[in-house]
N, C-alpha and C. Protein backbone atom coordinates (compact mmCIF):
# COMPACT_ATOMS: atom_id res chain seq x y z
N UNK A 1 -6.29 20.97 15.77
CA UNK A 1 -6.05 19.19 14.80
C UNK A 1 -6.62 19.25 13.25
N UNK A 2 -8.08 19.96 14.34
CA UNK A 2 -9.32 20.23 13.29
C UNK A 2 -8.86 20.93 12.60
N UNK A 3 -8.42 22.36 12.16
CA UNK A 3 -7.06 23.18 11.25
C UNK A 3 -6.82 22.64 9.90
N UNK A 4 -5.78 21.05 10.94
CA UNK A 4 -5.11 20.78 10.00
C UNK A 4 -5.50 18.92 9.52
N UNK A 5 -6.59 18.64 10.01
CA UNK A 5 -7.34 18.08 9.00
C UNK A 5 -8.22 18.85 7.78
N UNK A 6 -8.35 20.09 8.22
CA UNK A 6 -9.49 20.22 7.49
C UNK A 6 -8.74 20.67 5.71
N UNK A 7 -7.15 21.38 6.45
CA UNK A 7 -6.15 21.90 5.25
C UNK A 7 -5.86 20.59 4.44
N UNK A 8 -5.23 19.21 5.25
CA UNK A 8 -4.69 17.92 4.44
C UNK A 8 -6.37 17.80 3.69
N UNK A 9 -7.50 17.55 4.11
CA UNK A 9 -8.74 17.27 3.73
C UNK A 9 -9.00 18.41 1.67
N UNK A 10 -8.51 19.60 1.91
CA UNK A 10 -8.58 20.61 1.19
C UNK A 10 -7.71 19.82 -0.13
N UNK A 11 -6.24 19.78 0.32
CA UNK A 11 -5.66 19.29 -0.33
C UNK A 11 -5.45 17.69 -1.43
N UNK A 12 -5.76 16.65 -0.86
CA UNK A 12 -6.59 15.69 -1.20
C UNK A 12 -7.82 16.51 -2.03
N UNK A 13 -8.61 16.38 -1.78
CA UNK A 13 -9.78 17.41 -2.57
C UNK A 13 -9.51 17.87 -4.07
N UNK A 14 -7.99 19.14 -4.10
CA UNK A 14 -7.31 18.60 -4.94
C UNK A 14 -6.46 18.75 -6.28
N UNK A 15 -5.61 17.68 -4.67
CA UNK A 15 -4.29 16.73 -5.70
C UNK A 15 -5.23 15.56 -6.31
N UNK A 16 -5.08 14.62 -5.15
CA UNK A 16 -5.37 13.62 -5.38
C UNK A 16 -6.72 12.82 -6.61
N UNK A 17 -8.43 13.05 -5.92
CA UNK A 17 -8.87 13.30 -6.18
C UNK A 17 -9.08 13.89 -7.66
N UNK A 18 -9.08 14.85 -7.89
CA UNK A 18 -8.32 15.79 -8.99
C UNK A 18 -7.60 15.35 -9.92
N UNK A 19 -7.25 14.78 -9.70
CA UNK A 19 -6.25 13.79 -10.65
C UNK A 19 -6.28 12.36 -11.41
N UNK A 20 -6.60 11.40 -10.17
CA UNK A 20 -7.63 9.75 -10.41
C UNK A 20 -8.47 10.50 -10.54
N UNK A 21 -9.72 11.81 -11.42
CA UNK A 21 -10.39 11.61 -12.17
C UNK A 21 -10.18 12.07 -12.97
N UNK A 22 -9.05 13.37 -13.52
CA UNK A 22 -8.91 13.81 -15.38
C UNK A 22 -8.18 12.03 -15.67
N UNK A 23 -7.89 10.65 -14.77
CA UNK A 23 -7.06 9.90 -15.38
C UNK A 23 -8.65 9.19 -15.62
N UNK A 24 -9.19 9.08 -14.98
CA UNK A 24 -9.78 8.21 -15.23
C UNK A 24 -11.30 8.16 -16.66
N UNK A 25 -10.93 9.68 -16.87
CA UNK A 25 -11.65 10.08 -18.00
C UNK A 25 -11.15 10.29 -18.85
N UNK A 26 -9.74 10.72 -18.75
CA UNK A 26 -8.97 10.20 -19.81
C UNK A 26 -8.85 8.56 -20.32
N UNK A 27 -8.59 8.19 -19.64
CA UNK A 27 -8.55 6.29 -20.37
C UNK A 27 -10.03 5.80 -20.99
N UNK A 28 -11.10 6.82 -20.21
CA UNK A 28 -12.27 6.28 -20.44
C UNK A 28 -12.60 6.57 -21.72
N UNK A 29 -12.19 7.53 -21.75
CA UNK A 29 -12.47 8.66 -23.93
C UNK A 29 -11.36 7.29 -25.07
N UNK A 30 -9.64 6.89 -24.29
CA UNK A 30 -9.71 6.26 -25.44
C UNK A 30 -9.31 4.89 -25.62
N UNK A 31 -10.85 4.29 -24.88
CA UNK A 31 -10.87 2.90 -24.50
C UNK A 31 -11.13 1.82 -25.52
N UNK A 32 -12.12 2.95 -26.39
CA UNK A 32 -12.54 2.47 -27.03
C UNK A 32 -11.90 2.06 -28.51
N UNK A 33 -11.21 2.93 -28.86
CA UNK A 33 -10.10 2.89 -29.27
C UNK A 33 -9.39 1.72 -29.38
N UNK A 34 -8.93 1.63 -27.77
CA UNK A 34 -7.60 0.75 -28.03
C UNK A 34 -8.16 -0.26 -27.97
N UNK A 35 -10.00 -0.65 -26.96
CA UNK A 35 -10.30 -1.95 -27.76
C UNK A 35 -10.29 -2.24 -28.67
N UNK A 36 -10.56 -1.32 -29.34
CA UNK A 36 -11.00 -2.08 -31.56
C UNK A 36 -9.60 -2.54 -31.39
N UNK A 37 -8.26 -1.39 -31.84
CA UNK A 37 -8.07 -2.49 -31.89
C UNK A 37 -7.17 -3.47 -31.39
N UNK A 38 -6.75 -3.11 -30.35
CA UNK A 38 -6.73 -4.95 -29.35
C UNK A 38 -7.38 -5.18 -28.53
N UNK A 39 -7.66 -6.62 -28.66
CA UNK A 39 -8.60 -6.66 -27.53
C UNK A 39 -7.42 -6.59 -25.72
N UNK A 40 -6.54 -7.55 -25.97
CA UNK A 40 -5.80 -7.72 -24.46
C UNK A 40 -5.02 -5.83 -24.16
N UNK A 41 -4.87 -5.35 -25.26
CA UNK A 41 -4.74 -3.84 -24.33
C UNK A 41 -5.87 -3.24 -24.41
N UNK A 42 -7.02 -3.36 -24.70
CA UNK A 42 -8.10 -2.95 -24.43
C UNK A 42 -8.72 -3.84 -22.72
N UNK A 43 -8.58 -4.74 -22.81
CA UNK A 43 -8.43 -5.24 -21.20
C UNK A 43 -7.70 -4.95 -20.53
N UNK A 44 -6.92 -4.81 -20.38
CA UNK A 44 -5.82 -4.28 -19.25
C UNK A 44 -5.57 -2.77 -19.53
N UNK A 45 -6.08 -1.85 -20.52
CA UNK A 45 -6.16 -1.20 -19.84
C UNK A 45 -8.24 -0.05 -19.41
N UNK A 46 -9.06 -1.05 -19.59
CA UNK A 46 -9.95 -1.96 -18.65
C UNK A 46 -9.83 -1.80 -17.05
N UNK A 47 -9.21 -2.65 -16.96
CA UNK A 47 -7.90 -2.39 -15.83
C UNK A 47 -7.62 -1.19 -14.78
N UNK A 48 -6.60 -0.25 -16.11
CA UNK A 48 -6.20 0.24 -15.41
C UNK A 48 -7.68 1.30 -14.63
N UNK A 49 -7.86 1.62 -15.57
CA UNK A 49 -9.62 2.83 -15.83
C UNK A 49 -10.15 2.66 -14.65
N UNK A 50 -10.36 0.56 -13.76
CA UNK A 50 -10.62 0.16 -13.05
C UNK A 50 -9.96 0.96 -11.63
N UNK A 51 -8.89 0.39 -12.07
CA UNK A 51 -8.00 0.55 -10.65
C UNK A 51 -7.68 2.65 -10.23
N UNK A 52 -8.46 3.62 -11.25
CA UNK A 52 -8.01 4.66 -11.04
C UNK A 52 -9.49 5.33 -10.13
N UNK A 53 -10.55 4.20 -11.33
CA UNK A 53 -11.45 5.22 -10.81
C UNK A 53 -12.01 4.46 -9.06
N UNK A 54 -11.05 4.12 -8.97
CA UNK A 54 -11.11 3.05 -7.69
C UNK A 54 -10.63 3.80 -6.27
N UNK A 55 -9.70 4.89 -7.18
CA UNK A 55 -8.80 5.51 -6.54
C UNK A 55 -9.56 6.86 -5.84
N UNK A 56 -10.08 6.93 -6.50
CA UNK A 56 -11.00 8.70 -7.09
C UNK A 56 -11.87 8.55 -5.69
N UNK A 57 -12.83 7.00 -5.56
CA UNK A 57 -12.88 6.68 -4.66
C UNK A 57 -13.04 6.65 -3.42
N UNK A 58 -11.45 6.16 -2.93
CA UNK A 58 -11.76 5.60 -2.27
C UNK A 58 -10.92 7.72 -1.60
N UNK A 59 -10.07 8.20 -2.00
CA UNK A 59 -9.68 9.40 -2.28
C UNK A 59 -10.60 10.17 -1.44
N UNK A 60 -11.73 10.34 -2.20
CA UNK A 60 -13.79 11.00 -1.65
C UNK A 60 -13.69 10.35 -0.33
N UNK A 61 -13.96 8.51 0.25
CA UNK A 61 -13.84 8.80 1.46
C UNK A 61 -12.88 9.08 2.01
N UNK A 62 -11.75 9.30 1.67
CA UNK A 62 -11.32 9.90 3.25
C UNK A 62 -10.68 11.35 3.16
N UNK A 63 -11.67 12.38 2.31
CA UNK A 63 -12.30 13.19 2.35
C UNK A 63 -13.21 13.41 3.76
N UNK A 64 -14.35 12.73 3.12
CA UNK A 64 -15.39 12.47 3.91
C UNK A 64 -15.06 12.02 5.60
N UNK A 65 -14.05 10.97 5.83
CA UNK A 65 -13.83 11.38 6.64
C UNK A 65 -13.20 11.97 7.83
N UNK A 66 -12.53 13.02 7.33
CA UNK A 66 -11.52 14.21 7.22
C UNK A 66 -12.29 15.33 7.75
N UNK A 67 -13.66 15.27 7.25
CA UNK A 67 -14.76 16.49 7.28
C UNK A 67 -15.71 15.13 7.64
N UNK A 68 -15.31 15.34 9.33
CA UNK A 68 -17.18 14.18 9.75
C UNK A 68 -18.38 16.21 10.21
N UNK A 69 -19.15 15.32 9.86
CA UNK A 69 -20.28 16.81 10.40
C UNK A 69 -20.13 17.09 11.62
N UNK A 70 -20.62 18.57 12.18
CA UNK A 70 -20.50 18.15 13.45
C UNK A 70 -21.99 17.94 14.17
N UNK A 71 -22.94 18.12 13.21
CA UNK A 71 -24.74 17.96 13.92
C UNK A 71 -25.07 16.40 13.68
N UNK A 72 -23.82 15.26 12.41
CA UNK A 72 -23.95 14.41 12.42
C UNK A 72 -24.25 12.84 13.76
N UNK A 73 -24.69 11.60 14.17
CA UNK A 73 -25.01 11.16 15.06
C UNK A 73 -23.54 10.19 14.69
N UNK A 74 -22.83 9.91 15.65
CA UNK A 74 -21.78 8.86 15.52
C UNK A 74 -22.75 7.47 15.44
N UNK A 75 -24.11 6.92 14.99
CA UNK A 75 -24.45 6.29 14.50
C UNK A 75 -24.82 6.44 12.98
N UNK A 76 -25.26 7.54 12.54
CA UNK A 76 -25.33 8.03 11.89
C UNK A 76 -24.05 7.88 10.59
N UNK A 77 -23.17 8.19 11.10
CA UNK A 77 -22.05 8.67 9.99
C UNK A 77 -21.41 7.08 10.18
N UNK A 78 -21.61 5.99 11.30
CA UNK A 78 -21.07 4.80 10.77
C UNK A 78 -21.02 3.87 10.01
N UNK A 79 -23.10 4.51 10.53
CA UNK A 79 -23.45 3.63 8.86
C UNK A 79 -23.60 3.65 7.67
N UNK A 80 -24.00 5.48 7.39
CA UNK A 80 -23.12 6.31 6.18
C UNK A 80 -21.96 6.13 5.70
N UNK A 81 -21.18 5.80 6.22
CA UNK A 81 -19.44 4.91 6.74
C UNK A 81 -19.94 3.85 5.41
N UNK A 82 -20.16 2.81 6.31
CA UNK A 82 -20.00 1.37 6.59
C UNK A 82 -21.17 1.28 4.59
N UNK A 83 -22.37 2.14 4.60
CA UNK A 83 -23.18 1.56 3.39
C UNK A 83 -22.28 2.06 1.87
N UNK A 84 -21.01 2.81 2.27
CA UNK A 84 -20.65 3.46 0.92
C UNK A 84 -19.99 2.51 0.62
N UNK A 85 -19.02 1.95 2.40
CA UNK A 85 -17.95 1.14 2.29
C UNK A 85 -18.28 -0.06 1.12
N UNK A 86 -19.59 -0.71 1.53
CA UNK A 86 -20.37 -1.91 0.90
C UNK A 86 -20.39 -1.73 -0.22
N UNK A 87 -21.14 -0.64 -0.73
CA UNK A 87 -21.68 -0.46 -1.89
C UNK A 87 -22.84 -0.75 -2.83
N UNK A 88 -22.87 -1.96 -3.59
CA UNK A 88 -24.33 -1.90 -4.21
C UNK A 88 -24.01 -3.85 -3.65
N UNK A 89 -22.77 -3.79 -3.80
CA UNK A 89 -22.51 -5.99 -2.95
C UNK A 89 -22.63 -5.87 -1.37
N UNK A 90 -23.97 -5.00 -0.68
CA UNK A 90 -23.41 -5.11 0.84
C UNK A 90 -24.08 -6.33 1.14
N UNK A 91 -23.39 -6.56 1.79
CA UNK A 91 -24.76 -8.00 2.90
C UNK A 91 -25.22 -7.00 3.66
N UNK A 92 -26.44 -7.76 4.35
CA UNK A 92 -27.31 -7.32 5.23
C UNK A 92 -26.56 -6.68 6.22
N UNK A 93 -26.59 -5.56 6.63
CA UNK A 93 -26.44 -4.46 6.89
C UNK A 93 -27.85 -3.95 8.39
N UNK A 94 -27.60 -4.47 9.65
CA UNK A 94 -27.51 -4.39 9.70
C UNK A 94 -27.36 -2.63 11.99
N UNK A 95 -28.17 -1.94 12.36
CA UNK A 95 -27.38 -1.55 13.25
C UNK A 95 -28.23 -0.82 14.20
N UNK A 96 -27.94 -1.45 16.04
CA UNK A 96 -28.21 -0.84 16.90
C UNK A 96 -27.28 -0.61 17.72
N UNK A 97 -28.15 0.57 18.88
CA UNK A 97 -28.01 1.54 19.44
C UNK A 97 -28.06 0.99 21.15
N UNK A 98 -27.37 1.84 21.49
CA UNK A 98 -27.66 0.75 23.14
C UNK A 98 -27.29 1.86 24.02
N UNK A 99 -27.93 1.90 24.82
CA UNK A 99 -27.22 3.15 26.72
C UNK A 99 -27.76 4.38 25.92
N UNK A 100 -27.66 5.35 26.64
CA UNK A 100 -28.17 6.48 26.75
C UNK A 100 -27.20 7.39 25.22
N UNK A 101 -27.46 8.15 24.32
CA UNK A 101 -26.87 8.59 22.91
C UNK A 101 -26.59 9.53 24.70
N UNK A 102 -24.73 9.86 23.70
CA UNK A 102 -24.52 11.35 24.37
C UNK A 102 -23.27 12.21 22.82
N UNK A 103 -23.05 12.79 23.17
CA UNK A 103 -21.74 13.25 21.86
C UNK A 103 -20.70 12.88 22.07
N UNK A 104 -20.47 12.46 20.43
CA UNK A 104 -18.98 12.52 20.56
C UNK A 104 -18.19 13.73 19.80
N UNK A 105 -16.35 13.63 20.49
CA UNK A 105 -15.51 14.30 20.21
C UNK A 105 -15.29 14.05 19.38
N UNK A 106 -15.04 14.96 18.06
CA UNK A 106 -14.90 15.39 16.74
C UNK A 106 -13.92 14.14 16.28
N UNK A 107 -12.42 13.87 17.57
CA UNK A 107 -11.25 13.13 17.01
C UNK A 107 -11.98 11.30 17.14
N UNK A 108 -12.47 11.83 18.38
CA UNK A 108 -12.93 9.72 18.89
C UNK A 108 -14.25 9.76 17.37
N UNK A 109 -14.81 10.54 17.17
CA UNK A 109 -15.93 10.17 16.26
C UNK A 109 -15.40 9.81 15.11
N UNK A 110 -14.68 10.69 14.11
CA UNK A 110 -13.72 10.20 13.38
C UNK A 110 -13.22 8.85 13.32
N UNK A 111 -12.52 8.48 14.38
CA UNK A 111 -11.70 7.10 14.57
C UNK A 111 -12.98 5.93 13.98
N UNK A 112 -13.91 6.14 14.94
CA UNK A 112 -14.99 5.45 15.24
C UNK A 112 -15.58 5.06 13.98
N UNK A 113 -15.87 6.20 13.15
CA UNK A 113 -16.00 5.67 11.78
C UNK A 113 -14.97 5.41 10.80
N UNK A 114 -13.57 5.70 11.31
CA UNK A 114 -13.11 4.85 10.52
C UNK A 114 -12.31 3.17 10.20
N UNK A 115 -12.26 3.27 11.02
CA UNK A 115 -12.53 1.62 12.25
C UNK A 115 -13.80 1.12 10.97
N UNK A 116 -14.95 0.93 11.37
CA UNK A 116 -16.51 0.25 11.42
C UNK A 116 -16.07 0.66 9.90
N UNK A 117 -15.21 1.42 8.70
CA UNK A 117 -15.45 2.26 7.24
C UNK A 117 -14.38 0.79 6.61
N UNK A 118 -13.25 0.44 7.36
CA UNK A 118 -12.50 -0.30 7.06
C UNK A 118 -13.00 -1.98 7.03
N UNK A 119 -13.83 -2.07 8.82
CA UNK A 119 -14.34 -3.07 7.99
C UNK A 119 -15.23 -3.83 7.92
N UNK A 120 -15.47 -2.46 7.53
CA UNK A 120 -16.88 -2.89 5.91
C UNK A 120 -16.81 -3.19 4.62
N UNK A 121 -15.40 -2.65 4.57
CA UNK A 121 -14.61 -2.78 3.34
C UNK A 121 -14.23 -3.98 3.54
N UNK A 122 -13.71 -4.55 4.26
CA UNK A 122 -12.62 -6.57 5.06
C UNK A 122 -13.90 -7.78 4.89
N UNK A 123 -14.86 -6.80 5.09
CA UNK A 123 -16.15 -7.93 5.02
C UNK A 123 -16.23 -7.81 3.72
N UNK A 124 -16.39 -7.23 2.50
CA UNK A 124 -16.46 -7.75 1.81
C UNK A 124 -15.43 -7.90 0.35
N UNK A 125 -14.20 -7.50 1.11
CA UNK A 125 -13.07 -7.90 0.29
C UNK A 125 -13.04 -8.60 -0.02
N UNK A 126 -12.93 -10.02 1.48
CA UNK A 126 -12.90 -11.27 2.20
C UNK A 126 -13.60 -12.44 2.85
N UNK A 127 -14.51 -11.28 3.29
CA UNK A 127 -14.63 -12.17 3.99
C UNK A 127 -16.59 -13.07 3.44
N UNK A 128 -16.30 -12.91 2.08
CA UNK A 128 -18.00 -12.94 1.27
C UNK A 128 -18.97 -13.63 2.82
N UNK A 129 -19.07 -12.56 2.96
CA UNK A 129 -20.34 -12.92 4.22
C UNK A 129 -21.84 -12.57 3.63
N UNK A 130 -22.87 -12.78 4.88
CA UNK A 130 -24.04 -11.75 4.03
C UNK A 130 -24.70 -11.37 5.26
N UNK A 131 -23.96 -10.70 6.33
CA UNK A 131 -24.60 -10.74 7.48
C UNK A 131 -23.29 -9.37 8.07
N UNK A 132 -24.38 -8.57 8.86
CA UNK A 132 -23.25 -7.39 9.56
C UNK A 132 -23.72 -6.90 9.92
N UNK A 133 -23.77 -6.93 11.53
CA UNK A 133 -24.38 -6.43 12.73
C UNK A 133 -23.10 -4.93 13.17
N UNK A 134 -24.27 -4.21 14.10
CA UNK A 134 -23.46 -3.19 14.52
C UNK A 134 -24.11 -2.74 16.11
N UNK A 135 -23.06 -3.04 16.35
CA UNK A 135 -23.53 -2.79 18.26
C UNK A 135 -22.82 -1.43 18.64
N UNK A 136 -23.35 -0.60 19.02
CA UNK A 136 -23.07 0.87 19.10
C UNK A 136 -24.14 1.11 20.62
N UNK A 137 -22.61 0.83 22.02
CA UNK A 137 -23.51 0.39 22.82
C UNK A 137 -22.81 2.04 23.60
N UNK A 138 -23.70 2.74 24.26
CA UNK A 138 -23.40 4.04 25.51
C UNK A 138 -23.15 3.26 27.32
N UNK A 139 -22.10 3.92 27.67
CA UNK A 139 -21.94 3.48 29.18
C UNK A 139 -21.70 4.62 29.55
N UNK A 140 -21.26 4.90 31.04
CA UNK A 140 -21.18 6.51 31.31
C UNK A 140 -19.60 7.18 30.49
N UNK A 141 -18.48 6.06 30.73
CA UNK A 141 -17.66 6.80 30.53
C UNK A 141 -17.08 6.85 29.16
N UNK A 142 -17.78 5.57 28.89
CA UNK A 142 -17.01 5.08 27.35
C UNK A 142 -18.42 4.18 26.44
N UNK A 143 -17.57 4.37 25.43
CA UNK A 143 -18.37 3.60 24.19
C UNK A 143 -18.01 3.22 23.03
N UNK A 144 -18.14 1.39 23.48
CA UNK A 144 -18.20 0.63 23.09
C UNK A 144 -18.32 -0.35 21.65
N UNK A 145 -18.05 -0.21 19.77
CA UNK A 145 -18.70 -0.61 19.23
C UNK A 145 -18.25 -2.39 18.76
N UNK A 146 -18.82 -2.52 18.85
CA UNK A 146 -18.63 -3.94 17.98
C UNK A 146 -19.30 -4.56 16.34
N UNK A 147 -18.84 -4.66 15.63
CA UNK A 147 -19.30 -5.19 14.31
C UNK A 147 -18.63 -6.39 13.72
N UNK A 148 -20.29 -6.86 13.57
CA UNK A 148 -19.43 -8.76 13.68
C UNK A 148 -20.56 -9.18 12.66
N UNK A 149 -19.57 -9.59 12.13
CA UNK A 149 -20.24 -10.77 11.07
C UNK A 149 -20.31 -12.03 10.17
N UNK A 150 -20.81 -13.08 9.15
CA UNK A 150 -21.27 -14.15 9.01
C UNK A 150 -20.45 -14.34 8.58
N UNK A 151 -19.07 -14.57 7.72
CA UNK A 151 -18.18 -14.58 6.76
C UNK A 151 -17.38 -15.55 6.79
N UNK A 152 -16.15 -15.15 6.35
CA UNK A 152 -15.38 -16.93 6.64
C UNK A 152 -14.04 -17.47 7.73
N UNK A 153 -14.02 -16.22 8.15
CA UNK A 153 -12.88 -15.66 9.03
C UNK A 153 -11.54 -16.06 9.24
N UNK A 154 -10.76 -16.04 9.02
CA UNK A 154 -9.15 -15.93 9.39
C UNK A 154 -8.70 -15.85 10.93
N UNK A 155 -7.64 -16.26 10.74
CA UNK A 155 -6.28 -16.36 11.80
C UNK A 155 -5.81 -14.59 12.06
N UNK A 156 -6.04 -13.89 13.06
CA UNK A 156 -5.30 -12.96 13.16
C UNK A 156 -4.41 -12.83 13.29
N UNK A 157 -4.02 -13.83 14.56
CA UNK A 157 -2.15 -14.00 14.26
C UNK A 157 -1.97 -14.28 12.88
N UNK A 158 -1.68 -14.67 12.22
CA UNK A 158 -1.02 -15.40 11.23
C UNK A 158 -2.18 -14.35 9.62
N UNK A 159 -2.40 -13.69 9.76
CA UNK A 159 -2.96 -12.38 9.10
C UNK A 159 -1.39 -11.12 8.22
N UNK A 160 -1.17 -11.58 6.48
CA UNK A 160 0.12 -10.56 6.21
C UNK A 160 -0.25 -9.02 7.03
N UNK A 161 0.75 -8.51 7.74
CA UNK A 161 0.84 -7.00 7.99
C UNK A 161 1.77 -6.11 7.11
N UNK A 162 1.96 -5.06 7.52
CA UNK A 162 2.86 -4.03 6.19
C UNK A 162 3.93 -4.28 5.98
N UNK A 163 3.96 -6.13 6.34
CA UNK A 163 6.52 -6.03 5.68
C UNK A 163 4.98 -6.92 4.31
N UNK A 164 4.69 -7.44 4.29
CA UNK A 164 3.56 -7.49 3.25
C UNK A 164 2.97 -6.83 2.50
N UNK A 165 2.73 -5.63 2.68
CA UNK A 165 1.67 -4.80 2.01
C UNK A 165 0.10 -4.37 2.43
N UNK A 166 0.16 -4.86 3.42
CA UNK A 166 -1.77 -4.83 4.45
C UNK A 166 -1.71 -3.76 5.55
N UNK A 167 -2.23 -3.16 5.52
CA UNK A 167 -1.70 -2.20 6.45
C UNK A 167 -3.40 -2.36 7.22
N UNK A 168 -4.57 -2.64 6.72
CA UNK A 168 -5.96 -2.34 7.18
C UNK A 168 -6.06 -3.08 8.57
N UNK A 169 -5.71 -4.15 9.20
CA UNK A 169 -5.51 -4.07 10.28
C UNK A 169 -4.81 -3.30 11.36
N UNK A 170 -3.77 -2.99 10.78
CA UNK A 170 -2.56 -1.88 11.42
C UNK A 170 -3.06 -0.36 11.70
N UNK A 171 -3.73 0.24 10.59
CA UNK A 171 -4.77 0.95 10.70
C UNK A 171 -5.53 1.67 11.48
N UNK A 172 -6.65 0.16 11.22
CA UNK A 172 -7.76 0.42 12.87
C UNK A 172 -6.39 0.83 14.28
N UNK A 173 -6.51 -0.13 14.36
CA UNK A 173 -4.94 -0.12 15.71
C UNK A 173 -4.68 0.86 15.64
N UNK A 174 -3.70 2.03 14.76
CA UNK A 174 -3.41 2.89 15.04
C UNK A 174 -4.48 3.79 15.28
N UNK A 175 -6.16 3.34 14.85
CA UNK A 175 -7.35 5.07 14.94
C UNK A 175 -7.74 4.64 16.56
N UNK A 176 -7.59 3.12 16.76
CA UNK A 176 -8.16 2.81 18.91
C UNK A 176 -7.19 3.37 18.89
N UNK A 177 -5.80 3.26 19.06
CA UNK A 177 -4.57 4.25 19.70
C UNK A 177 -5.34 5.41 19.90
N UNK A 178 -5.22 6.78 18.99
CA UNK A 178 -4.93 7.62 19.34
C UNK A 178 -6.78 7.86 19.34
N UNK A 179 -7.92 7.65 19.59
CA UNK A 179 -8.45 7.42 20.32
C UNK A 179 -8.98 7.10 21.43
N UNK A 180 -7.39 6.91 21.76
CA UNK A 180 -6.85 6.49 23.62
C UNK A 180 -7.48 5.16 24.23
N UNK A 181 -8.49 4.42 23.01
CA UNK A 181 -8.91 2.75 23.59
C UNK A 181 -7.99 1.39 23.04
N UNK A 182 -9.29 1.61 22.96
CA UNK A 182 -8.71 -0.31 22.63
C UNK A 182 -9.23 -0.86 22.19
N UNK A 183 -8.67 -2.44 20.87
CA UNK A 183 -9.41 -3.26 20.04
C UNK A 183 -8.77 -4.52 20.22
N UNK A 184 -10.19 -4.91 19.94
CA UNK A 184 -10.08 -6.40 20.06
C UNK A 184 -10.55 -7.22 18.89
N UNK A 185 -9.86 -8.51 18.57
CA UNK A 185 -10.59 -9.37 16.77
C UNK A 185 -10.47 -9.88 17.53
N UNK A 186 -12.07 -10.80 17.53
CA UNK A 186 -12.41 -12.52 17.31
C UNK A 186 -12.29 -13.01 16.11
N UNK A 187 -11.96 -13.76 15.65
CA UNK A 187 -11.79 -14.86 14.08
C UNK A 187 -11.09 -16.24 14.80
N UNK A 188 -11.74 -17.39 14.09
CA UNK A 188 -10.86 -18.02 13.33
C UNK A 188 -11.12 -18.32 11.79
N UNK A 189 -11.31 -19.11 10.93
CA UNK A 189 -12.29 -19.96 9.40
C UNK A 189 -13.13 -20.48 9.51
N UNK A 190 -14.16 -20.17 9.07
CA UNK A 190 -15.34 -20.53 9.37
C UNK A 190 -15.97 -20.41 9.73
N UNK A 191 -16.00 -19.20 11.39
CA UNK A 191 -16.77 -19.25 12.05
C UNK A 191 -17.26 -16.84 11.77
N UNK A 192 -16.98 -16.44 10.97
CA UNK A 192 -16.83 -15.20 11.28
C UNK A 192 -15.95 -14.24 11.66
N UNK A 193 -15.70 -13.25 11.95
CA UNK A 193 -15.05 -11.91 13.17
C UNK A 193 -16.46 -11.20 13.63
N UNK A 194 -15.55 -11.65 14.28
CA UNK A 194 -16.25 -9.67 15.18
C UNK A 194 -15.71 -8.87 16.08
N UNK A 195 -15.06 -7.85 15.85
CA UNK A 195 -14.71 -6.37 16.04
C UNK A 195 -14.42 -5.72 17.32
N UNK A 196 -14.21 -5.77 18.25
CA UNK A 196 -15.04 -5.20 19.45
C UNK A 196 -13.78 -3.91 19.86
N UNK A 197 -14.20 -2.93 19.22
CA UNK A 197 -13.64 -1.41 20.24
C UNK A 197 -14.40 -0.50 20.98
N UNK A 198 -13.61 0.05 22.07
CA UNK A 198 -14.03 0.78 23.27
C UNK A 198 -13.34 2.13 23.48
N UNK A 199 -14.03 3.16 23.53
CA UNK A 199 -13.04 4.35 23.29
C UNK A 199 -13.53 5.18 25.15
N UNK A 200 -12.91 5.08 25.39
CA UNK A 200 -13.61 6.54 26.43
C UNK A 200 -14.01 7.49 25.62
N UNK A 201 -14.92 8.16 26.61
CA UNK A 201 -15.73 9.34 26.04
C UNK A 201 -15.72 10.87 26.85
N UNK A 202 -15.16 10.82 27.37
CA UNK A 202 -14.75 11.51 28.30
C UNK A 202 -13.13 12.93 27.47
N UNK A 203 -12.78 13.87 27.61
CA UNK A 203 -12.17 14.03 26.88
C UNK A 203 -11.56 13.59 27.88
N UNK A 204 -9.69 13.94 27.99
CA UNK A 204 -8.78 13.62 28.63
C UNK A 204 -8.51 14.56 29.92
N UNK A 205 -8.03 14.41 30.79
CA UNK A 205 -8.04 15.80 31.35
C UNK A 205 -6.34 16.30 31.52
N UNK A 206 -6.14 17.63 31.56
CA UNK A 206 -5.06 18.15 31.09
C UNK A 206 -3.74 17.62 32.32
N UNK A 207 -3.13 17.50 32.11
CA UNK A 207 -1.98 17.27 33.49
C UNK A 207 -2.36 15.57 34.02
N UNK A 208 -3.05 15.30 33.43
CA UNK A 208 -3.31 13.73 34.02
C UNK A 208 -2.78 12.12 33.01
N UNK A 209 -2.09 11.57 33.63
CA UNK A 209 -1.81 10.77 32.95
C UNK A 209 -3.01 9.81 31.82
N UNK A 210 -2.65 9.06 30.67
CA UNK A 210 -3.54 8.01 30.15
C UNK A 210 -3.39 7.00 30.37
N UNK A 211 -3.18 5.87 30.46
CA UNK A 211 -2.63 4.33 30.34
C UNK A 211 -3.19 4.00 28.76
N UNK A 212 -2.40 3.61 27.61
CA UNK A 212 -3.12 2.87 26.81
C UNK A 212 -2.99 1.95 26.92
N UNK A 213 -3.56 1.39 26.83
CA UNK A 213 -4.42 -0.50 26.70
C UNK A 213 -4.16 -0.45 25.04
N UNK A 214 -2.71 -1.51 24.97
CA UNK A 214 -2.62 -1.69 23.60
C UNK A 214 -3.04 -2.97 22.98
N UNK A 215 -3.45 -3.08 21.91
CA UNK A 215 -4.69 -3.88 21.44
C UNK A 215 -4.27 -5.28 21.23
N UNK A 216 -5.06 -6.14 21.41
CA UNK A 216 -4.77 -7.84 21.66
C UNK A 216 -6.20 -7.93 20.61
N UNK A 217 -4.85 -9.36 19.83
CA UNK A 217 -5.50 -9.92 19.47
C UNK A 217 -6.01 -11.82 19.65
N UNK A 218 -6.63 -12.53 19.90
CA UNK A 218 -6.87 -13.65 20.60
C UNK A 218 -8.51 -13.87 20.06
N UNK A 219 -7.94 -15.89 19.20
CA UNK A 219 -9.42 -16.41 18.87
C UNK A 219 -10.86 -16.69 19.31
N UNK A 220 -12.01 -16.53 18.94
CA UNK A 220 -13.23 -16.65 20.29
C UNK A 220 -13.27 -17.99 20.50
């Protein structure tokens, strides 16, 4: 699995990332000339350039997520990913670790980091939050990660899904299941959002059936 992830990371780096960066460089080179000829065309080209640069950033994030550091703790990885996702417009970010810190297997760590990164991205894009808090709690057999913001909140039941072109919440649920965990989202308009992820710390036992708890949602 790790070898396959490394292969995908290489292909993303050599393909999508390089192409997006090349497009952005060429657009930036012709932008002054186009803008001088037509203000409308210049604004349109600037929007395309922004999209190309954003695609390159997202591709780089995906590559980093596929290649987790074997020496990086999960708390450090989560904080780094969330600060990278929020960028210069970040709300105040606080992170607390509770319990006895333990080593987390790469698959679980990657899933947790990707979910945290997606949550931070959604906070910046949609929540208009000023504070973003993360609690990473180590139990004897499980790891619980709670991500809470003070943004404007939303109705999880009425949020657009894949059929409307929105894949963020669906991807978070899929990552939780891939790590043999479950995900809860507590939110309603005006009261912020809390995302709770719980995953087992021990690797699966051979010939032992793992009961997958389906992700569910309910407003707080």
